[in-house]
Amino acid sequence: MPQALHWQKSSYSGGNVETSCLEIATTPTTLHLRESDTPGTILSPARTALNALLTSVKGQFRV
């Protein structure tokens, strides 16, 4: 049986139940992502794909 994931929500979410936020859970080899208003949909991107996404996003905000 797969282990239960421990989901964490950003402290910037404000704790409002109506607010949808990105939630993150980790296992030793994988980062799992979901949106709080659709918890049944879980994304588990490959490390290289996630790294490429974050590098691209960071590049968009350089001043």
N, C-alpha and C. Protein backbone atom coordinates (compact mmCIF):
# COMPACT_ATOMS: atom_id res chain seq x y z
N MET A 1 0.85 -1.18 0.00
CA MET A 1 0.00 0.00 0.00
C MET A 1 0.89 1.24 0.00
N PRO A 2 0.63 2.23 -0.90
CA PRO A 2 1.43 3.45 -0.92
C PRO A 2 1.25 4.25 0.37
N GLN A 3 2.33 4.92 0.75
CA GLN A 3 2.25 5.72 1.97
C GLN A 3 1.37 6.94 1.75
N ALA A 4 0.71 7.40 2.83
CA ALA A 4 -0.12 8.60 2.75
C ALA A 4 0.78 9.81 2.60
N LEU A 5 0.37 10.75 1.79
CA LEU A 5 1.15 11.96 1.59
C LEU A 5 0.76 13.01 2.62
N HIS A 6 1.73 13.76 3.09
CA HIS A 6 1.49 14.86 4.02
C HIS A 6 1.52 16.16 3.21
N TRP A 7 0.34 16.74 2.97
CA TRP A 7 0.22 17.92 2.13
C TRP A 7 0.47 19.18 2.95
N GLN A 8 1.22 20.10 2.37
CA GLN A 8 1.50 21.39 3.01
C GLN A 8 1.05 22.51 2.09
N LYS A 9 0.40 23.49 2.69
CA LYS A 9 -0.08 24.64 1.96
C LYS A 9 0.80 25.84 2.29
N SER A 10 0.99 26.72 1.36
CA SER A 10 1.80 27.91 1.58
C SER A 10 1.25 28.76 2.72
N SER A 11 2.15 29.33 3.48
CA SER A 11 1.72 30.23 4.56
C SER A 11 1.11 31.51 3.99
N TYR A 12 1.34 31.78 2.72
CA TYR A 12 0.75 32.95 2.07
C TYR A 12 -0.72 32.75 1.71
N SER A 13 -1.25 31.55 1.89
CA SER A 13 -2.64 31.28 1.53
C SER A 13 -3.61 31.97 2.47
N GLY A 14 -3.17 32.33 3.66
CA GLY A 14 -4.04 33.03 4.60
C GLY A 14 -5.00 32.13 5.35
N GLY A 15 -5.04 30.85 5.03
CA GLY A 15 -5.90 29.92 5.74
C GLY A 15 -7.37 30.01 5.39
N ASN A 16 -7.72 30.82 4.42
CA ASN A 16 -9.11 30.98 4.01
C ASN A 16 -9.56 29.73 3.25
N VAL A 17 -10.67 29.14 3.67
CA VAL A 17 -11.18 27.92 3.03
C VAL A 17 -11.56 28.19 1.58
N GLU A 18 -12.00 29.41 1.27
CA GLU A 18 -12.43 29.75 -0.08
C GLU A 18 -11.26 29.97 -1.04
N THR A 19 -10.06 30.11 -0.52
CA THR A 19 -8.89 30.39 -1.34
C THR A 19 -8.29 29.10 -1.87
N SER A 20 -8.10 29.04 -3.18
CA SER A 20 -7.42 27.87 -3.74
C SER A 20 -5.92 28.14 -3.73
N CYS A 21 -5.17 27.15 -3.30
CA CYS A 21 -3.73 27.30 -3.16
C CYS A 21 -3.03 26.05 -3.68
N LEU A 22 -1.79 26.23 -4.01
CA LEU A 22 -0.96 25.10 -4.40
C LEU A 22 -0.51 24.39 -3.13
N GLU A 23 -0.65 23.09 -3.12
CA GLU A 23 -0.20 22.27 -1.99
C GLU A 23 0.91 21.35 -2.48
N ILE A 24 1.86 21.08 -1.60
CA ILE A 24 3.03 20.27 -1.95
C ILE A 24 3.18 19.13 -0.96
N ALA A 25 3.52 17.96 -1.46
CA ALA A 25 3.87 16.81 -0.62
C ALA A 25 5.11 16.18 -1.23
N THR A 26 5.97 15.65 -0.39
CA THR A 26 7.19 15.03 -0.90
C THR A 26 7.32 13.60 -0.42
N THR A 27 8.02 12.82 -1.22
CA THR A 27 8.46 11.49 -0.85
C THR A 27 9.98 11.53 -1.08
N PRO A 28 10.70 10.52 -0.71
CA PRO A 28 12.16 10.58 -0.90
C PRO A 28 12.61 10.85 -2.34
N THR A 29 11.80 10.50 -3.32
CA THR A 29 12.23 10.67 -4.71
C THR A 29 11.33 11.57 -5.55
N THR A 30 10.21 12.04 -5.01
CA THR A 30 9.24 12.76 -5.84
C THR A 30 8.62 13.93 -5.10
N LEU A 31 8.33 14.98 -5.86
CA LEU A 31 7.57 16.13 -5.37
C LEU A 31 6.19 16.03 -5.99
N HIS A 32 5.16 16.11 -5.17
CA HIS A 32 3.78 16.02 -5.66
C HIS A 32 3.11 17.37 -5.48
N LEU A 33 2.32 17.77 -6.46
CA LEU A 33 1.64 19.06 -6.45
C LEU A 33 0.15 18.86 -6.67
N ARG A 34 -0.65 19.68 -6.01
CA ARG A 34 -2.09 19.68 -6.27
C ARG A 34 -2.64 21.05 -5.91
N GLU A 35 -3.80 21.36 -6.44
CA GLU A 35 -4.49 22.59 -6.08
C GLU A 35 -5.52 22.25 -5.01
N SER A 36 -5.62 23.08 -4.00
CA SER A 36 -6.46 22.75 -2.85
C SER A 36 -7.93 22.57 -3.20
N ASP A 37 -8.41 23.26 -4.25
CA ASP A 37 -9.83 23.10 -4.59
C ASP A 37 -10.10 21.89 -5.48
N THR A 38 -9.05 21.21 -5.96
CA THR A 38 -9.20 19.95 -6.70
C THR A 38 -8.17 18.95 -6.20
N PRO A 39 -8.32 18.49 -4.96
CA PRO A 39 -7.29 17.63 -4.36
C PRO A 39 -7.15 16.25 -4.99
N GLY A 40 -8.10 15.85 -5.79
CA GLY A 40 -8.00 14.53 -6.43
C GLY A 40 -7.06 14.51 -7.62
N THR A 41 -6.69 15.68 -8.13
CA THR A 41 -5.78 15.77 -9.26
C THR A 41 -4.38 16.09 -8.73
N ILE A 42 -3.49 15.13 -8.86
CA ILE A 42 -2.13 15.26 -8.33
C ILE A 42 -1.14 15.18 -9.48
N LEU A 43 -0.23 16.15 -9.53
CA LEU A 43 0.83 16.15 -10.52
C LEU A 43 2.12 15.72 -9.83
N SER A 44 2.85 14.85 -10.46
CA SER A 44 4.13 14.37 -9.94
C SER A 44 5.16 14.49 -11.07
N PRO A 45 5.63 15.73 -11.33
CA PRO A 45 6.52 15.94 -12.47
C PRO A 45 7.89 15.30 -12.27
N ALA A 46 8.50 14.95 -13.38
CA ALA A 46 9.87 14.45 -13.33
C ALA A 46 10.77 15.59 -12.87
N ARG A 47 11.84 15.25 -12.19
CA ARG A 47 12.76 16.26 -11.65
C ARG A 47 13.26 17.20 -12.74
N THR A 48 13.62 16.67 -13.91
CA THR A 48 14.15 17.51 -14.98
C THR A 48 13.08 18.47 -15.52
N ALA A 49 11.84 18.01 -15.62
CA ALA A 49 10.76 18.87 -16.11
C ALA A 49 10.47 19.99 -15.11
N LEU A 50 10.44 19.67 -13.83
CA LEU A 50 10.19 20.67 -12.81
C LEU A 50 11.33 21.69 -12.77
N ASN A 51 12.56 21.23 -12.89
CA ASN A 51 13.71 22.13 -12.90
C ASN A 51 13.63 23.08 -14.10
N ALA A 52 13.25 22.57 -15.26
CA ALA A 52 13.12 23.41 -16.45
C ALA A 52 12.03 24.47 -16.26
N LEU A 53 10.91 24.07 -15.69
CA LEU A 53 9.82 25.01 -15.43
C LEU A 53 10.26 26.11 -14.48
N LEU A 54 10.87 25.74 -13.36
CA LEU A 54 11.29 26.74 -12.38
C LEU A 54 12.38 27.66 -12.93
N THR A 55 13.29 27.13 -13.71
CA THR A 55 14.33 27.95 -14.33
C THR A 55 13.70 28.96 -15.28
N SER A 56 12.73 28.54 -16.05
CA SER A 56 12.04 29.43 -16.98
C SER A 56 11.27 30.52 -16.24
N VAL A 57 10.55 30.15 -15.21
CA VAL A 57 9.78 31.13 -14.44
C VAL A 57 10.72 32.14 -13.76
N LYS A 58 11.78 31.67 -13.18
CA LYS A 58 12.75 32.58 -12.55
C LYS A 58 13.32 33.55 -13.57
N GLY A 59 13.56 33.09 -14.78
CA GLY A 59 14.10 33.95 -15.82
C GLY A 59 13.14 35.06 -16.24
N GLN A 60 11.85 34.82 -16.08
CA GLN A 60 10.86 35.82 -16.44
C GLN A 60 10.81 36.99 -15.45
N PHE A 61 11.30 36.77 -14.24
CA PHE A 61 11.19 37.79 -13.20
C PHE A 61 12.52 38.46 -12.87
N ARG A 62 13.54 38.24 -13.66
CA ARG A 62 14.81 38.92 -13.43
C ARG A 62 14.69 40.36 -13.87
N VAL A 63 15.24 41.23 -13.07
CA VAL A 63 15.18 42.66 -13.37
C VAL A 63 16.51 43.16 -13.84
